[in-house]
Amino acid sequence: MSALIRPANPADAALVFALVVELAKYERLESEVDATRETLAAALFCRDPRAFCDIAEHQGEAVGMSVWFYSFSTFRGRHGIWIEDLFVRPAFRGQGFGKELIASLARRCAAEKLARLEWSVLDWNEPSIAFYERLGARRMEQWTNCRLEGEALSRLGRTAPLRR
């Protein structure tokens, strides 16, 4: 099947939020969501957004999304794309929509001469891991993600000198 992949627009704010919540439920991380329709809209549809969202539609129905932003590789000296979220609604999985979302970003990478397309996947998500490997993705097993958030982020930020 074929999807229309299009950039999300401000009228899609509620849809994007709904897809984020569906993804969080699938990933068993619903309690982590403190975004709102309004905060997502402010980030994605502002004058100079730093993050972007593409919607996959099939026969006029939203079937999935990718949320992404530009990254940078010092080793390559070029930008890339980081996929923050890739989600296809369960009823539409296995029909090629996820591949079309990723292929759309790969096409952007080629057109813009970007160095890489990257994302992370939960280690228990075997169906997604298998899907990504079928696309030719390789796991970066020597890398471990790190994250600062909440009080630890605030505490460390308070120790930084002010920038001029």
C-alpha atoms as a PDB file:
ATOM      1  CA  MET A   1       0.000   0.000   0.000  1.00  0.00           C
ATOM      2  CA  SER A   2       1.070   3.541  -0.512  1.00  0.00           C
ATOM      3  CA  ALA A   3       0.859   6.472   1.855  1.00  0.00           C
ATOM      4  CA  LEU A   4       0.933  10.187   1.350  1.00  0.00           C
ATOM      5  CA  ILE A   5       3.775  11.497   3.494  1.00  0.00           C
ATOM      6  CA  ARG A   6       3.279  15.170   4.260  1.00  0.00           C
ATOM      7  CA  PRO A   7       4.597  17.722   6.723  1.00  0.00           C
ATOM      8  CA  ALA A   8       2.332  18.222   9.708  1.00  0.00           C
ATOM      9  CA  ASN A   9       0.737  21.655   9.972  1.00  0.00           C
ATOM     10  CA  PRO A  10      -0.830  23.612  12.843  1.00  0.00           C
ATOM     11  CA  ALA A  11      -4.254  22.061  12.146  1.00  0.00           C
ATOM     12  CA  ASP A  12      -2.648  18.678  12.978  1.00  0.00           C
ATOM     13  CA  ALA A  13      -1.722  19.592  16.556  1.00  0.00           C
ATOM     14  CA  ALA A  14      -4.414  17.407  18.172  1.00  0.00           C
ATOM     15  CA  LEU A  15      -3.578  14.528  15.810  1.00  0.00           C
ATOM     16  CA  VAL A  16       0.143  14.728  16.579  1.00  0.00           C
ATOM     17  CA  PHE A  17      -0.594  14.740  20.298  1.00  0.00           C
ATOM     18  CA  ALA A  18      -2.912  11.745  19.939  1.00  0.00           C
ATOM     19  CA  LEU A  19      -0.229   9.832  18.026  1.00  0.00           C
ATOM     20  CA  VAL A  20       2.366  10.680  20.687  1.00  0.00           C
ATOM     21  CA  VAL A  21       0.055   9.319  23.388  1.00  0.00           C
ATOM     22  CA  GLU A  22      -0.609   6.158  21.339  1.00  0.00           C
ATOM     23  CA  LEU A  23       3.151   5.682  20.935  1.00  0.00           C
ATOM     24  CA  ALA A  24       3.729   6.185  24.666  1.00  0.00           C
ATOM     25  CA  LYS A  25       1.089   3.545  25.459  1.00  0.00           C
ATOM     26  CA  TYR A  26       2.729   1.108  23.021  1.00  0.00           C
ATOM     27  CA  GLU A  27       6.161   1.744  24.548  1.00  0.00           C
ATOM     28  CA  ARG A  28       4.735   1.384  28.080  1.00  0.00           C
ATOM     29  CA  LEU A  29       5.833   4.942  28.818  1.00  0.00           C
ATOM     30  CA  GLU A  30       2.492   6.731  29.085  1.00  0.00           C
ATOM     31  CA  SER A  31       3.404   8.095  32.535  1.00  0.00           C
ATOM     32  CA  GLU A  32       6.373   9.886  30.924  1.00  0.00           C
ATOM     33  CA  VAL A  33       4.176  12.112  28.724  1.00  0.00           C
ATOM     34  CA  ASP A  34       3.848  15.614  30.069  1.00  0.00           C
ATOM     35  CA  ALA A  35       3.610  17.245  26.651  1.00  0.00           C
ATOM     36  CA  THR A  36       0.288  18.727  25.650  1.00  0.00           C
ATOM     37  CA  ARG A  37      -1.274  19.541  22.330  1.00  0.00           C
ATOM     38  CA  GLU A  38      -0.282  23.143  22.984  1.00  0.00           C
ATOM     39  CA  THR A  39       3.371  22.469  23.852  1.00  0.00           C
ATOM     40  CA  LEU A  40       3.793  20.221  20.816  1.00  0.00           C
ATOM     41  CA  ALA A  41       2.159  22.832  18.580  1.00  0.00           C
ATOM     42  CA  ALA A  42       4.403  25.549  19.997  1.00  0.00           C
ATOM     43  CA  ALA A  43       7.518  23.467  19.289  1.00  0.00           C
ATOM     44  CA  LEU A  44       6.586  22.101  15.870  1.00  0.00           C
ATOM     45  CA  PHE A  45       4.729  25.024  14.325  1.00  0.00           C
ATOM     46  CA  CYS A  46       6.588  28.075  15.581  1.00  0.00           C
ATOM     47  CA  ARG A  47       8.367  30.582  13.335  1.00  0.00           C
ATOM     48  CA  ASP A  48      11.717  28.750  13.393  1.00  0.00           C
ATOM     49  CA  PRO A  49      11.016  25.171  14.525  1.00  0.00           C
ATOM     50  CA  ARG A  50      13.824  22.965  15.746  1.00  0.00           C
ATOM     51  CA  ALA A  51      11.758  19.788  15.386  1.00  0.00           C
ATOM     52  CA  PHE A  52       9.515  18.588  12.578  1.00  0.00           C
ATOM     53  CA  CYS A  53       6.732  16.080  12.087  1.00  0.00           C
ATOM     54  CA  ASP A  54       5.662  14.152   9.008  1.00  0.00           C
ATOM     55  CA  ILE A  55       2.264  12.487   8.815  1.00  0.00           C
ATOM     56  CA  ALA A  56       1.562   9.308   6.841  1.00  0.00           C
ATOM     57  CA  GLU A  57      -1.945   9.185   5.410  1.00  0.00           C
ATOM     58  CA  HIS A  58      -3.704   6.358   3.627  1.00  0.00           C
ATOM     59  CA  GLN A  59      -7.032   7.026   1.938  1.00  0.00           C
ATOM     60  CA  GLY A  60      -7.343  10.270   3.906  1.00  0.00           C
ATOM     61  CA  GLU A  61      -6.715   8.650   7.292  1.00  0.00           C
ATOM     62  CA  ALA A  62      -3.664   9.366   9.430  1.00  0.00           C
ATOM     63  CA  VAL A  63      -1.855   6.049   9.893  1.00  0.00           C
ATOM     64  CA  GLY A  64       1.422   7.189  11.425  1.00  0.00           C
ATOM     65  CA  MET A  65       4.033   9.863  11.957  1.00  0.00           C
ATOM     66  CA  SER A  66       7.695  10.594  12.306  1.00  0.00           C
ATOM     67  CA  VAL A  67       9.019  13.355  14.547  1.00  0.00           C
ATOM     68  CA  TRP A  68      12.550  14.361  13.688  1.00  0.00           C
ATOM     69  CA  PHE A  69      15.218  17.044  13.895  1.00  0.00           C
ATOM     70  CA  TYR A  70      18.605  17.817  12.415  1.00  0.00           C
ATOM     71  CA  SER A  71      21.624  16.433  14.226  1.00  0.00           C
ATOM     72  CA  PHE A  72      25.299  17.056  13.545  1.00  0.00           C
ATOM     73  CA  SER A  73      28.289  14.749  13.173  1.00  0.00           C
ATOM     74  CA  THR A  74      31.635  16.310  13.968  1.00  0.00           C
ATOM     75  CA  PHE A  75      33.340  13.238  12.510  1.00  0.00           C
ATOM     76  CA  ARG A  76      31.535  13.718   9.205  1.00  0.00           C
ATOM     77  CA  GLY A  77      31.422  17.510   9.379  1.00  0.00           C
ATOM     78  CA  ARG A  78      27.805  17.436   8.225  1.00  0.00           C
ATOM     79  CA  HIS A  79      24.297  17.379   9.576  1.00  0.00           C
ATOM     80  CA  GLY A  80      22.103  14.323   9.741  1.00  0.00           C
ATOM     81  CA  ILE A  81      18.585  13.575  10.870  1.00  0.00           C
ATOM     82  CA  TRP A  82      17.608  12.074  14.192  1.00  0.00           C
ATOM     83  CA  ILE A  83      14.204  10.393  14.283  1.00  0.00           C
ATOM     84  CA  GLU A  84      12.815  11.083  17.736  1.00  0.00           C
ATOM     85  CA  ASP A  85       9.617   9.121  17.179  1.00  0.00           C
ATOM     86  CA  LEU A  86       8.400   6.798  14.471  1.00  0.00           C
ATOM     87  CA  PHE A  87       4.919   5.410  14.980  1.00  0.00           C
ATOM     88  CA  VAL A  88       2.431   3.535  12.843  1.00  0.00           C
ATOM     89  CA  ARG A  89      -0.965   2.761  14.310  1.00  0.00           C
ATOM     90  CA  PRO A  90      -1.315  -0.976  15.073  1.00  0.00           C
ATOM     91  CA  ALA A  91      -4.063  -1.589  12.491  1.00  0.00           C
ATOM     92  CA  PHE A  92      -1.726  -0.332   9.761  1.00  0.00           C
ATOM     93  CA  ARG A  93       1.508  -2.090  10.692  1.00  0.00           C
ATOM     94  CA  GLY A  94       3.101  -4.475   8.248  1.00  0.00           C
ATOM     95  CA  GLN A  95       1.711  -2.606   5.232  1.00  0.00           C
ATOM     96  CA  GLY A  96       4.783  -0.518   4.399  1.00  0.00           C
ATOM     97  CA  PHE A  97       3.805   2.759   6.050  1.00  0.00           C
ATOM     98  CA  GLY A  98       6.719   2.772   8.504  1.00  0.00           C
ATOM     99  CA  LYS A  99       9.095   2.076   5.644  1.00  0.00           C
ATOM    100  CA  GLU A 100       7.594   4.963   3.681  1.00  0.00           C
ATOM    101  CA  LEU A 101       8.075   7.346   6.610  1.00  0.00           C
ATOM    102  CA  ILE A 102      11.727   6.328   6.959  1.00  0.00           C
ATOM    103  CA  ALA A 103      12.283   6.347   3.183  1.00  0.00           C
ATOM    104  CA  SER A 104      10.920   9.892   3.040  1.00  0.00           C
ATOM    105  CA  LEU A 105      13.537  10.995   5.556  1.00  0.00           C
ATOM    106  CA  ALA A 106      16.240   9.024   3.722  1.00  0.00           C
ATOM    107  CA  ARG A 107      15.242  10.877   0.552  1.00  0.00           C
ATOM    108  CA  ARG A 108      15.611  14.180   2.439  1.00  0.00           C
ATOM    109  CA  CYS A 109      19.053  13.088   3.655  1.00  0.00           C
ATOM    110  CA  ALA A 110      20.147  12.322   0.092  1.00  0.00           C
ATOM    111  CA  ALA A 111      18.720  15.553  -1.319  1.00  0.00           C
ATOM    112  CA  GLU A 112      20.363  17.666   1.397  1.00  0.00           C
ATOM    113  CA  LYS A 113      23.618  15.650   1.379  1.00  0.00           C
ATOM    114  CA  LEU A 114      23.196  14.769   5.049  1.00  0.00           C
ATOM    115  CA  ALA A 115      25.602  12.300   6.641  1.00  0.00           C
ATOM    116  CA  ARG A 116      23.223   9.917   8.395  1.00  0.00           C
ATOM    117  CA  LEU A 117      19.748   8.974   9.550  1.00  0.00           C
ATOM    118  CA  GLU A 118      19.606   7.711  13.122  1.00  0.00           C
ATOM    119  CA  TRP A 119      17.141   6.726  15.827  1.00  0.00           C
ATOM    120  CA  SER A 120      16.928   4.586  18.925  1.00  0.00           C
ATOM    121  CA  VAL A 121      14.703   1.606  19.666  1.00  0.00           C
ATOM    122  CA  LEU A 122      13.768   0.002  22.959  1.00  0.00           C
ATOM    123  CA  ASP A 123      15.734  -3.197  23.489  1.00  0.00           C
ATOM    124  CA  TRP A 124      12.569  -5.255  24.110  1.00  0.00           C
ATOM    125  CA  ASN A 125      10.895  -4.119  20.887  1.00  0.00           C
ATOM    126  CA  GLU A 126      11.910  -7.114  18.757  1.00  0.00           C
ATOM    127  CA  PRO A 127       9.340  -6.482  15.969  1.00  0.00           C
ATOM    128  CA  SER A 128      10.722  -2.983  15.403  1.00  0.00           C
ATOM    129  CA  ILE A 129      14.341  -4.124  15.654  1.00  0.00           C
ATOM    130  CA  ALA A 130      13.684  -6.808  13.033  1.00  0.00           C
ATOM    131  CA  PHE A 131      11.919  -4.259  10.804  1.00  0.00           C
ATOM    132  CA  TYR A 132      14.832  -1.804  11.024  1.00  0.00           C
ATOM    133  CA  GLU A 133      17.376  -4.515  10.297  1.00  0.00           C
ATOM    134  CA  ARG A 134      15.385  -5.587   7.207  1.00  0.00           C
ATOM    135  CA  LEU A 135      15.742  -1.988   6.001  1.00  0.00           C
ATOM    136  CA  GLY A 136      19.518  -2.305   6.329  1.00  0.00           C
ATOM    137  CA  ALA A 137      19.917  -0.443   9.625  1.00  0.00           C
ATOM    138  CA  ARG A 138      22.637  -1.632  11.927  1.00  0.00           C
ATOM    139  CA  ARG A 139      22.521  -1.525  15.695  1.00  0.00           C
ATOM    140  CA  MET A 140      25.095   0.685  17.350  1.00  0.00           C
ATOM    141  CA  GLU A 141      25.606  -1.702  20.245  1.00  0.00           C
ATOM    142  CA  GLN A 142      28.825  -0.080  21.397  1.00  0.00           C
ATOM    143  CA  TRP A 143      26.866   3.107  22.216  1.00  0.00           C
ATOM    144  CA  THR A 144      24.747   3.676  25.323  1.00  0.00           C
ATOM    145  CA  ASN A 145      22.263   6.530  25.497  1.00  0.00           C
ATOM    146  CA  CYS A 146      22.570   8.874  28.456  1.00  0.00           C
ATOM    147  CA  ARG A 147      19.988  11.352  29.671  1.00  0.00           C
ATOM    148  CA  LEU A 148      19.830  14.205  32.158  1.00  0.00           C
ATOM    149  CA  GLU A 149      16.342  15.358  33.089  1.00  0.00           C
ATOM    150  CA  GLY A 150      14.265  16.666  35.960  1.00  0.00           C
ATOM    151  CA  GLU A 151      16.069  17.626  39.143  1.00  0.00           C
ATOM    152  CA  ALA A 152      19.440  16.261  37.975  1.00  0.00           C
ATOM    153  CA  LEU A 153      19.293  18.513  34.905  1.00  0.00           C
ATOM    154  CA  SER A 154      18.256  21.534  36.963  1.00  0.00           C
ATOM    155  CA  ARG A 155      20.941  20.888  39.581  1.00  0.00           C
ATOM    156  CA  LEU A 156      23.701  20.619  36.988  1.00  0.00           C
ATOM    157  CA  GLY A 157      22.413  23.678  35.137  1.00  0.00           C
ATOM    158  CA  ARG A 158      22.672  25.747  38.299  1.00  0.00           C
ATOM    159  CA  THR A 159      26.420  24.997  38.448  1.00  0.00           C
ATOM    160  CA  ALA A 160      27.147  26.327  34.960  1.00  0.00           C
ATOM    161  CA  PRO A 161      28.659  29.785  34.588  1.00  0.00           C
ATOM    162  CA  LEU A 162      26.461  32.369  32.902  1.00  0.00           C
ATOM    163  CA  ARG A 163      27.156  32.826  29.197  1.00  0.00           C
ATOM    164  CA  ARG A 164      27.754  36.267  27.795  1.00  0.00           C
END
